[in-house]
Amino acid sequence: MQGKVPTLEELAGQFNLSVRTLNDEFKAEYGKPIQTFITEHRLNEAHAAIISTDIPLKSVALRLGYTHTNHFLTAFKKKFGYSPGSLRKKAGPDQSDD
């Protein structure tokens, strides 16, 4: 987990593009809107952190840019079909602290 994800405005500025152009070009290249890509990446990072660490779920959510834990919980369950808490229980006590 690497911290704050840049906003679309920040990304567009880095490439000297409008937000709309950035979205359009990203979708043409990757087949999905950039925000969908970012959300999927954040949730995959969360999944890995939940399995491999004992960081509290609220902290995982905050580190990945979710200001409201309930938004994180809802998005996680929508993507994976189970809650972060159930994943943590399934991962069990053999988690590493790395």
PDB file of N, CA and C in Angstrom:
ATOM      1  N   MET A   1       0.850  -1.174   0.000  1.00  0.00           N
ATOM      2  CA  MET A   1       0.000   0.000   0.000  1.00  0.00           C
ATOM      3  C   MET A   1       0.893   1.234   0.000  1.00  0.00           C
ATOM      4  N   GLN A   2       0.673   2.085  -0.974  1.00  0.00           N
ATOM      5  CA  GLN A   2       1.615   3.171  -1.188  1.00  0.00           C
ATOM      6  C   GLN A   2       1.079   4.556  -0.872  1.00  0.00           C
ATOM      7  N   GLY A   3      -0.088   4.695  -0.324  1.00  0.00           N
ATOM      8  CA  GLY A   3      -0.568   6.018   0.037  1.00  0.00           C
ATOM      9  C   GLY A   3      -1.585   6.574  -0.931  1.00  0.00           C
ATOM     10  N   LYS A   4      -1.673   7.902  -0.964  1.00  0.00           N
ATOM     11  CA  LYS A   4      -2.720   8.609  -1.685  1.00  0.00           C
ATOM     12  C   LYS A   4      -2.667   8.346  -3.190  1.00  0.00           C
ATOM     13  N   VAL A   5      -3.818   8.020  -3.729  1.00  0.00           N
ATOM     14  CA  VAL A   5      -3.972   7.861  -5.174  1.00  0.00           C
ATOM     15  C   VAL A   5      -4.241   9.248  -5.746  1.00  0.00           C
ATOM     16  N   PRO A   6      -3.550   9.633  -6.820  1.00  0.00           N
ATOM     17  CA  PRO A   6      -3.779  10.963  -7.383  1.00  0.00           C
ATOM     18  C   PRO A   6      -5.198  11.102  -7.928  1.00  0.00           C
ATOM     19  N   THR A   7      -5.705  12.329  -7.885  1.00  0.00           N
ATOM     20  CA  THR A   7      -7.023  12.593  -8.454  1.00  0.00           C
ATOM     21  C   THR A   7      -6.926  12.598  -9.973  1.00  0.00           C
ATOM     22  N   LEU A   8      -8.075  12.513 -10.630  1.00  0.00           N
ATOM     23  CA  LEU A   8      -8.083  12.583 -12.094  1.00  0.00           C
ATOM     24  C   LEU A   8      -7.539  13.922 -12.577  1.00  0.00           C
ATOM     25  N   GLU A   9      -7.857  14.979 -11.845  1.00  0.00           N
ATOM     26  CA  GLU A   9      -7.364  16.300 -12.213  1.00  0.00           C
ATOM     27  C   GLU A   9      -5.834  16.349 -12.139  1.00  0.00           C
ATOM     28  N   GLU A  10      -5.270  15.747 -11.090  1.00  0.00           N
ATOM     29  CA  GLU A  10      -3.811  15.713 -10.955  1.00  0.00           C
ATOM     30  C   GLU A  10      -3.171  14.905 -12.079  1.00  0.00           C
ATOM     31  N   LEU A  11      -3.752  13.756 -12.386  1.00  0.00           N
ATOM     32  CA  LEU A  11      -3.221  12.934 -13.478  1.00  0.00           C
ATOM     33  C   LEU A  11      -3.301  13.664 -14.814  1.00  0.00           C
ATOM     34  N   ALA A  12      -4.453  14.259 -15.074  1.00  0.00           N
ATOM     35  CA  ALA A  12      -4.621  14.985 -16.335  1.00  0.00           C
ATOM     36  C   ALA A  12      -3.590  16.105 -16.442  1.00  0.00           C
ATOM     37  N   GLY A  13      -3.366  16.812 -15.345  1.00  0.00           N
ATOM     38  CA  GLY A  13      -2.378  17.884 -15.334  1.00  0.00           C
ATOM     39  C   GLY A  13      -0.973  17.383 -15.625  1.00  0.00           C
ATOM     40  N   GLN A  14      -0.634  16.210 -15.103  1.00  0.00           N
ATOM     41  CA  GLN A  14       0.694  15.644 -15.343  1.00  0.00           C
ATOM     42  C   GLN A  14       0.926  15.341 -16.819  1.00  0.00           C
ATOM     43  N   PHE A  15      -0.159  15.013 -17.528  1.00  0.00           N
ATOM     44  CA  PHE A  15      -0.045  14.682 -18.947  1.00  0.00           C
ATOM     45  C   PHE A  15      -0.486  15.830 -19.849  1.00  0.00           C
ATOM     46  N   ASN A  16      -0.772  16.974 -19.233  1.00  0.00           N
ATOM     47  CA  ASN A  16      -1.190  18.161 -19.971  1.00  0.00           C
ATOM     48  C   ASN A  16      -2.434  17.889 -20.817  1.00  0.00           C
ATOM     49  N   LEU A  17      -3.396  17.170 -20.227  1.00  0.00           N
ATOM     50  CA  LEU A  17      -4.652  16.828 -20.886  1.00  0.00           C
ATOM     51  C   LEU A  17      -5.819  17.295 -20.032  1.00  0.00           C
ATOM     52  N   SER A  18      -6.975  17.423 -20.663  1.00  0.00           N
ATOM     53  CA  SER A  18      -8.186  17.650 -19.876  1.00  0.00           C
ATOM     54  C   SER A  18      -8.593  16.317 -19.247  1.00  0.00           C
ATOM     55  N   VAL A  19      -9.399  16.378 -18.198  1.00  0.00           N
ATOM     56  CA  VAL A  19      -9.875  15.151 -17.551  1.00  0.00           C
ATOM     57  C   VAL A  19     -10.651  14.304 -18.550  1.00  0.00           C
ATOM     58  N   ARG A  20     -11.472  14.945 -19.359  1.00  0.00           N
ATOM     59  CA  ARG A  20     -12.269  14.207 -20.344  1.00  0.00           C
ATOM     60  C   ARG A  20     -11.374  13.483 -21.358  1.00  0.00           C
ATOM     61  N   THR A  21     -10.366  14.183 -21.864  1.00  0.00           N
ATOM     62  CA  THR A  21      -9.453  13.564 -22.830  1.00  0.00           C
ATOM     63  C   THR A  21      -8.694  12.407 -22.194  1.00  0.00           C
ATOM     64  N   LEU A  22      -8.233  12.603 -20.964  1.00  0.00           N
ATOM     65  CA  LEU A  22      -7.544  11.526 -20.254  1.00  0.00           C
ATOM     66  C   LEU A  22      -8.455  10.308 -20.123  1.00  0.00           C
ATOM     67  N   ASN A  23      -9.692  10.535 -19.693  1.00  0.00           N
ATOM     68  CA  ASN A  23     -10.652   9.432 -19.561  1.00  0.00           C
ATOM     69  C   ASN A  23     -10.900   8.741 -20.895  1.00  0.00           C
ATOM     70  N   ASP A  24     -11.128   9.529 -21.924  1.00  0.00           N
ATOM     71  CA  ASP A  24     -11.427   8.960 -23.244  1.00  0.00           C
ATOM     72  C   ASP A  24     -10.254   8.138 -23.781  1.00  0.00           C
ATOM     73  N   GLU A  25      -9.052   8.675 -23.666  1.00  0.00           N
ATOM     74  CA  GLU A  25      -7.877   7.960 -24.179  1.00  0.00           C
ATOM     75  C   GLU A  25      -7.571   6.713 -23.349  1.00  0.00           C
ATOM     76  N   PHE A  26      -7.749   6.807 -22.049  1.00  0.00           N
ATOM     77  CA  PHE A  26      -7.512   5.647 -21.190  1.00  0.00           C
ATOM     78  C   PHE A  26      -8.509   4.538 -21.520  1.00  0.00           C
ATOM     79  N   LYS A  27      -9.774   4.905 -21.666  1.00  0.00           N
ATOM     80  CA  LYS A  27     -10.806   3.909 -21.969  1.00  0.00           C
ATOM     81  C   LYS A  27     -10.567   3.277 -23.340  1.00  0.00           C
ATOM     82  N   ALA A  28     -10.145   4.067 -24.315  1.00  0.00           N
ATOM     83  CA  ALA A  28      -9.860   3.524 -25.644  1.00  0.00           C
ATOM     84  C   ALA A  28      -8.713   2.518 -25.586  1.00  0.00           C
ATOM     85  N   GLU A  29      -7.726   2.787 -24.754  1.00  0.00           N
ATOM     86  CA  GLU A  29      -6.548   1.916 -24.653  1.00  0.00           C
ATOM     87  C   GLU A  29      -6.802   0.678 -23.794  1.00  0.00           C
ATOM     88  N   TYR A  30      -7.499   0.853 -22.663  1.00  0.00           N
ATOM     89  CA  TYR A  30      -7.624  -0.231 -21.686  1.00  0.00           C
ATOM     90  C   TYR A  30      -9.029  -0.818 -21.552  1.00  0.00           C
ATOM     91  N   GLY A  31     -10.000  -0.224 -22.248  1.00  0.00           N
ATOM     92  CA  GLY A  31     -11.341  -0.790 -22.254  1.00  0.00           C
ATOM     93  C   GLY A  31     -12.186  -0.497 -21.034  1.00  0.00           C
ATOM     94  N   LYS A  32     -11.702   0.371 -20.167  1.00  0.00           N
ATOM     95  CA  LYS A  32     -12.475   0.745 -18.981  1.00  0.00           C
ATOM     96  C   LYS A  32     -12.075   2.153 -18.563  1.00  0.00           C
ATOM     97  N   PRO A  33     -12.989   2.853 -17.904  1.00  0.00           N
ATOM     98  CA  PRO A  33     -12.652   4.201 -17.435  1.00  0.00           C
ATOM     99  C   PRO A  33     -11.506   4.158 -16.419  1.00  0.00           C
ATOM    100  N   ILE A  34     -10.747   5.226 -16.367  1.00  0.00           N
ATOM    101  CA  ILE A  34      -9.603   5.274 -15.464  1.00  0.00           C
ATOM    102  C   ILE A  34     -10.036   5.116 -14.007  1.00  0.00           C
ATOM    103  N   GLN A  35     -11.187   5.672 -13.635  1.00  0.00           N
ATOM    104  CA  GLN A  35     -11.641   5.556 -12.246  1.00  0.00           C
ATOM    105  C   GLN A  35     -11.934   4.105 -11.889  1.00  0.00           C
ATOM    106  N   THR A  36     -12.474   3.344 -12.820  1.00  0.00           N
ATOM    107  CA  THR A  36     -12.717   1.915 -12.591  1.00  0.00           C
ATOM    108  C   THR A  36     -11.396   1.188 -12.392  1.00  0.00           C
ATOM    109  N   PHE A  37     -10.414   1.508 -13.217  1.00  0.00           N
ATOM    110  CA  PHE A  37      -9.085   0.901 -13.094  1.00  0.00           C
ATOM    111  C   PHE A  37      -8.474   1.200 -11.726  1.00  0.00           C
ATOM    112  N   ILE A  38      -8.555   2.459 -11.300  1.00  0.00           N
ATOM    113  CA  ILE A  38      -7.996   2.861 -10.004  1.00  0.00           C
ATOM    114  C   ILE A  38      -8.702   2.134  -8.866  1.00  0.00           C
ATOM    115  N   THR A  39     -10.026   2.070  -8.926  1.00  0.00           N
ATOM    116  CA  THR A  39     -10.788   1.391  -7.876  1.00  0.00           C
ATOM    117  C   THR A  39     -10.417  -0.081  -7.804  1.00  0.00           C
ATOM    118  N   GLU A  40     -10.324  -0.740  -8.946  1.00  0.00           N
ATOM    119  CA  GLU A  40      -9.949  -2.160  -8.963  1.00  0.00           C
ATOM    120  C   GLU A  40      -8.557  -2.361  -8.373  1.00  0.00           C
ATOM    121  N   HIS A  41      -7.645  -1.486  -8.721  1.00  0.00           N
ATOM    122  CA  HIS A  41      -6.279  -1.583  -8.196  1.00  0.00           C
ATOM    123  C   HIS A  41      -6.279  -1.403  -6.674  1.00  0.00           C
ATOM    124  N   ARG A  42      -7.002  -0.414  -6.191  1.00  0.00           N
ATOM    125  CA  ARG A  42      -7.074  -0.179  -4.745  1.00  0.00           C
ATOM    126  C   ARG A  42      -7.658  -1.389  -4.027  1.00  0.00           C
ATOM    127  N   LEU A  43      -8.702  -1.974  -4.581  1.00  0.00           N
ATOM    128  CA  LEU A  43      -9.329  -3.128  -3.936  1.00  0.00           C
ATOM    129  C   LEU A  43      -8.418  -4.352  -3.976  1.00  0.00           C
ATOM    130  N   ASN A  44      -7.671  -4.534  -5.048  1.00  0.00           N
ATOM    131  CA  ASN A  44      -6.702  -5.635  -5.102  1.00  0.00           C
ATOM    132  C   ASN A  44      -5.599  -5.442  -4.063  1.00  0.00           C
ATOM    133  N   GLU A  45      -5.158  -4.197  -3.883  1.00  0.00           N
ATOM    134  CA  GLU A  45      -4.168  -3.894  -2.843  1.00  0.00           C
ATOM    135  C   GLU A  45      -4.741  -4.206  -1.462  1.00  0.00           C
ATOM    136  N   ALA A  46      -6.002  -3.844  -1.251  1.00  0.00           N
ATOM    137  CA  ALA A  46      -6.651  -4.123   0.031  1.00  0.00           C
ATOM    138  C   ALA A  46      -6.724  -5.621   0.278  1.00  0.00           C
ATOM    139  N   HIS A  47      -7.106  -6.371  -0.734  1.00  0.00           N
ATOM    140  CA  HIS A  47      -7.214  -7.829  -0.617  1.00  0.00           C
ATOM    141  C   HIS A  47      -5.874  -8.416  -0.177  1.00  0.00           C
ATOM    142  N   ALA A  48      -4.803  -7.999  -0.828  1.00  0.00           N
ATOM    143  CA  ALA A  48      -3.470  -8.502  -0.484  1.00  0.00           C
ATOM    144  C   ALA A  48      -3.087  -8.121   0.944  1.00  0.00           C
ATOM    145  N   ALA A  49      -3.395  -6.897   1.346  1.00  0.00           N
ATOM    146  CA  ALA A  49      -3.055  -6.443   2.698  1.00  0.00           C
ATOM    147  C   ALA A  49      -3.836  -7.206   3.755  1.00  0.00           C
ATOM    148  N   ILE A  50      -5.091  -7.491   3.479  1.00  0.00           N
ATOM    149  CA  ILE A  50      -5.923  -8.212   4.445  1.00  0.00           C
ATOM    150  C   ILE A  50      -5.403  -9.629   4.643  1.00  0.00           C
ATOM    151  N   ILE A  51      -4.967 -10.251   3.568  1.00  0.00           N
ATOM    152  CA  ILE A  51      -4.444 -11.618   3.654  1.00  0.00           C
ATOM    153  C   ILE A  51      -3.083 -11.658   4.348  1.00  0.00           C
ATOM    154  N   SER A  52      -2.235 -10.688   4.060  1.00  0.00           N
ATOM    155  CA  SER A  52      -0.833 -10.795   4.476  1.00  0.00           C
ATOM    156  C   SER A  52      -0.445  -9.982   5.706  1.00  0.00           C
ATOM    157  N   THR A  53      -1.355  -9.178   6.243  1.00  0.00           N
ATOM    158  CA  THR A  53      -1.032  -8.367   7.422  1.00  0.00           C
ATOM    159  C   THR A  53      -2.163  -8.443   8.433  1.00  0.00           C
ATOM    160  N   ASP A  54      -1.904  -7.880   9.609  1.00  0.00           N
ATOM    161  CA  ASP A  54      -2.967  -7.765  10.602  1.00  0.00           C
ATOM    162  C   ASP A  54      -3.384  -6.304  10.793  1.00  0.00           C
ATOM    163  N   ILE A  55      -3.121  -5.478   9.791  1.00  0.00           N
ATOM    164  CA  ILE A  55      -3.531  -4.075   9.828  1.00  0.00           C
ATOM    165  C   ILE A  55      -5.052  -4.028   9.951  1.00  0.00           C
ATOM    166  N   PRO A  56      -5.588  -3.230  10.880  1.00  0.00           N
ATOM    167  CA  PRO A  56      -7.046  -3.128  11.009  1.00  0.00           C
ATOM    168  C   PRO A  56      -7.697  -2.703   9.688  1.00  0.00           C
ATOM    169  N   LEU A  57      -8.888  -3.228   9.433  1.00  0.00           N
ATOM    170  CA  LEU A  57      -9.581  -2.944   8.171  1.00  0.00           C
ATOM    171  C   LEU A  57      -9.784  -1.450   7.963  1.00  0.00           C
ATOM    172  N   LYS A  58     -10.103  -0.729   9.022  1.00  0.00           N
ATOM    173  CA  LYS A  58     -10.296   0.718   8.894  1.00  0.00           C
ATOM    174  C   LYS A  58      -9.008   1.387   8.411  1.00  0.00           C
ATOM    175  N   SER A  59      -7.869   0.940   8.919  1.00  0.00           N
ATOM    176  CA  SER A  59      -6.581   1.503   8.495  1.00  0.00           C
ATOM    177  C   SER A  59      -6.268   1.148   7.049  1.00  0.00           C
ATOM    178  N   VAL A  60      -6.594  -0.071   6.645  1.00  0.00           N
ATOM    179  CA  VAL A  60      -6.409  -0.469   5.242  1.00  0.00           C
ATOM    180  C   VAL A  60      -7.213   0.469   4.354  1.00  0.00           C
ATOM    181  N   ALA A  61      -8.470   0.686   4.706  1.00  0.00           N
ATOM    182  CA  ALA A  61      -9.339   1.562   3.917  1.00  0.00           C
ATOM    183  C   ALA A  61      -8.762   2.970   3.826  1.00  0.00           C
ATOM    184  N   LEU A  62      -8.345   3.515   4.945  1.00  0.00           N
ATOM    185  CA  LEU A  62      -7.806   4.879   4.956  1.00  0.00           C
ATOM    186  C   LEU A  62      -6.514   4.984   4.154  1.00  0.00           C
ATOM    187  N   ARG A  63      -5.642   4.001   4.271  1.00  0.00           N
ATOM    188  CA  ARG A  63      -4.373   4.022   3.533  1.00  0.00           C
ATOM    189  C   ARG A  63      -4.579   3.969   2.027  1.00  0.00           C
ATOM    190  N   LEU A  64      -5.686   3.389   1.617  1.00  0.00           N
ATOM    191  CA  LEU A  64      -5.962   3.278   0.182  1.00  0.00           C
ATOM    192  C   LEU A  64      -6.864   4.389  -0.332  1.00  0.00           C
ATOM    193  N   GLY A  65      -7.112   5.392   0.502  1.00  0.00           N
ATOM    194  CA  GLY A  65      -7.825   6.570   0.046  1.00  0.00           C
ATOM    195  C   GLY A  65      -9.312   6.596   0.299  1.00  0.00           C
ATOM    196  N   TYR A  66      -9.833   5.625   1.018  1.00  0.00           N
ATOM    197  CA  TYR A  66     -11.253   5.637   1.363  1.00  0.00           C
ATOM    198  C   TYR A  66     -11.439   6.459   2.626  1.00  0.00           C
ATOM    199  N   THR A  67     -12.186   7.549   2.531  1.00  0.00           N
ATOM    200  CA  THR A  67     -12.414   8.385   3.704  1.00  0.00           C
ATOM    201  C   THR A  67     -13.522   7.830   4.585  1.00  0.00           C
ATOM    202  N   HIS A  68     -14.368   6.994   4.019  1.00  0.00           N
ATOM    203  CA  HIS A  68     -15.455   6.363   4.775  1.00  0.00           C
ATOM    204  C   HIS A  68     -15.304   4.851   4.667  1.00  0.00           C
ATOM    205  N   THR A  69     -15.119   4.202   5.801  1.00  0.00           N
ATOM    206  CA  THR A  69     -14.903   2.758   5.819  1.00  0.00           C
ATOM    207  C   THR A  69     -16.061   2.010   5.182  1.00  0.00           C
ATOM    208  N   ASN A  70     -17.297   2.508   5.385  1.00  0.00           N
ATOM    209  CA  ASN A  70     -18.448   1.796   4.809  1.00  0.00           C
ATOM    210  C   ASN A  70     -18.402   1.787   3.281  1.00  0.00           C
ATOM    211  N   HIS A  71     -17.842   2.826   2.658  1.00  0.00           N
ATOM    212  CA  HIS A  71     -17.694   2.827   1.193  1.00  0.00           C
ATOM    213  C   HIS A  71     -16.704   1.745   0.768  1.00  0.00           C
ATOM    214  N   PHE A  72     -15.624   1.615   1.526  1.00  0.00           N
ATOM    215  CA  PHE A  72     -14.638   0.569   1.263  1.00  0.00           C
ATOM    216  C   PHE A  72     -15.276  -0.807   1.400  1.00  0.00           C
ATOM    217  N   LEU A  73     -16.004  -1.032   2.488  1.00  0.00           N
ATOM    218  CA  LEU A  73     -16.625  -2.337   2.727  1.00  0.00           C
ATOM    219  C   LEU A  73     -17.584  -2.709   1.599  1.00  0.00           C
ATOM    220  N   THR A  74     -18.383  -1.743   1.165  1.00  0.00           N
ATOM    221  CA  THR A  74     -19.351  -1.987   0.092  1.00  0.00           C
ATOM    222  C   THR A  74     -18.646  -2.298  -1.228  1.00  0.00           C
ATOM    223  N   ALA A  75     -17.635  -1.508  -1.576  1.00  0.00           N
ATOM    224  CA  ALA A  75     -16.905  -1.727  -2.833  1.00  0.00           C
ATOM    225  C   ALA A  75     -16.177  -3.068  -2.814  1.00  0.00           C
ATOM    226  N   PHE A  76     -15.582  -3.422  -1.687  1.00  0.00           N
ATOM    227  CA  PHE A  76     -14.855  -4.684  -1.563  1.00  0.00           C
ATOM    228  C   PHE A  76     -15.803  -5.856  -1.773  1.00  0.00           C
ATOM    229  N   LYS A  77     -16.937  -5.815  -1.099  1.00  0.00           N
ATOM    230  CA  LYS A  77     -17.894  -6.924  -1.213  1.00  0.00           C
ATOM    231  C   LYS A  77     -18.453  -7.009  -2.636  1.00  0.00           C
ATOM    232  N   LYS A  78     -18.683  -5.873  -3.267  1.00  0.00           N
ATOM    233  CA  LYS A  78     -19.193  -5.874  -4.639  1.00  0.00           C
ATOM    234  C   LYS A  78     -18.186  -6.522  -5.589  1.00  0.00           C
ATOM    235  N   LYS A  79     -16.897  -6.228  -5.417  1.00  0.00           N
ATOM    236  CA  LYS A  79     -15.867  -6.773  -6.312  1.00  0.00           C
ATOM    237  C   LYS A  79     -15.597  -8.248  -6.059  1.00  0.00           C
ATOM    238  N   PHE A  80     -15.472  -8.636  -4.800  1.00  0.00           N
ATOM    239  CA  PHE A  80     -15.023  -9.989  -4.486  1.00  0.00           C
ATOM    240  C   PHE A  80     -16.137 -10.951  -4.082  1.00  0.00           C
ATOM    241  N   GLY A  81     -17.308 -10.424  -3.719  1.00  0.00           N
ATOM    242  CA  GLY A  81     -18.420 -11.293  -3.337  1.00  0.00           C
ATOM    243  C   GLY A  81     -18.404 -11.712  -1.877  1.00  0.00           C
ATOM    244  N   TYR A  82     -17.491 -11.176  -1.100  1.00  0.00           N
ATOM    245  CA  TYR A  82     -17.423 -11.446   0.335  1.00  0.00           C
ATOM    246  C   TYR A  82     -16.817 -10.221   1.012  1.00  0.00           C
ATOM    247  N   SER A  83     -17.032 -10.116   2.301  1.00  0.00           N
ATOM    248  CA  SER A  83     -16.576  -8.939   3.034  1.00  0.00           C
ATOM    249  C   SER A  83     -15.094  -9.040   3.390  1.00  0.00           C
ATOM    250  N   PRO A  84     -14.458  -7.900   3.644  1.00  0.00           N
ATOM    251  CA  PRO A  84     -13.070  -7.930   4.104  1.00  0.00           C
ATOM    252  C   PRO A  84     -12.920  -8.695   5.419  1.00  0.00           C
ATOM    253  N   GLY A  85     -13.916  -8.576   6.298  1.00  0.00           N
ATOM    254  CA  GLY A  85     -13.866  -9.287   7.574  1.00  0.00           C
ATOM    255  C   GLY A  85     -13.877 -10.794   7.396  1.00  0.00           C
ATOM    256  N   SER A  86     -14.689 -11.282   6.463  1.00  0.00           N
ATOM    257  CA  SER A  86     -14.722 -12.730   6.232  1.00  0.00           C
ATOM    258  C   SER A  86     -13.416 -13.208   5.600  1.00  0.00           C
ATOM    259  N   LEU A  87     -12.804 -12.383   4.758  1.00  0.00           N
ATOM    260  CA  LEU A  87     -11.499 -12.733   4.198  1.00  0.00           C
ATOM    261  C   LEU A  87     -10.457 -12.804   5.304  1.00  0.00           C
ATOM    262  N   ARG A  88     -10.490 -11.846   6.204  1.00  0.00           N
ATOM    263  CA  ARG A  88      -9.531 -11.822   7.308  1.00  0.00           C
ATOM    264  C   ARG A  88      -9.679 -13.080   8.162  1.00  0.00           C
ATOM    265  N   LYS A  89     -10.933 -13.465   8.442  1.00  0.00           N
ATOM    266  CA  LYS A  89     -11.173 -14.681   9.239  1.00  0.00           C
ATOM    267  C   LYS A  89     -10.676 -15.918   8.499  1.00  0.00           C
ATOM    268  N   LYS A  90     -10.928 -15.966   7.189  1.00  0.00           N
ATOM    269  CA  LYS A  90     -10.509 -17.108   6.376  1.00  0.00           C
ATOM    270  C   LYS A  90      -8.985 -17.192   6.302  1.00  0.00           C
ATOM    271  N   ALA A  91      -8.318 -16.030   6.213  1.00  0.00           N
ATOM    272  CA  ALA A  91      -6.857 -16.003   6.138  1.00  0.00           C
ATOM    273  C   ALA A  91      -6.249 -16.551   7.422  1.00  0.00           C
ATOM    274  N   GLY A  92      -6.949 -16.355   8.533  1.00  0.00           N
ATOM    275  CA  GLY A  92      -6.560 -16.963   9.797  1.00  0.00           C
ATOM    276  C   GLY A  92      -5.297 -16.415  10.421  1.00  0.00           C
ATOM    277  N   PRO A  93      -4.827 -17.101  11.452  1.00  0.00           N
ATOM    278  CA  PRO A  93      -3.696 -16.606  12.245  1.00  0.00           C
ATOM    279  C   PRO A  93      -2.335 -16.795  11.590  1.00  0.00           C
ATOM    280  N   ASP A  94      -2.277 -17.403  10.420  1.00  0.00           N
ATOM    281  CA  ASP A  94      -0.994 -17.639   9.756  1.00  0.00           C
ATOM    282  C   ASP A  94      -0.524 -16.444   8.943  1.00  0.00           C
ATOM    283  N   GLN A  95      -1.136 -15.283   9.139  1.00  0.00           N
ATOM    284  CA  GLN A  95      -0.748 -14.098   8.392  1.00  0.00           C
ATOM    285  C   GLN A  95       0.646 -13.664   8.808  1.00  0.00           C
ATOM    286  N   SER A  96       1.375 -13.125   7.841  1.00  0.00           N
ATOM    287  CA  SER A  96       2.690 -12.575   8.182  1.00  0.00           C
ATOM    288  C   SER A  96       2.527 -11.118   8.555  1.00  0.00           C
ATOM    289  N   ASP A  97       3.486 -10.558   9.228  1.00  0.00           N
ATOM    290  CA  ASP A  97       3.437  -9.153   9.618  1.00  0.00           C
ATOM    291  C   ASP A  97       4.207  -8.266   8.661  1.00  0.00           C
ATOM    292  N   ASP A  98       4.619  -8.774   7.514  1.00  0.00           N
ATOM    293  CA  ASP A  98       5.415  -8.012   6.544  1.00  0.00           C
ATOM    294  C   ASP A  98       4.606  -6.961   5.861  1.00  0.00           C
TER     295      ASP A  98
END
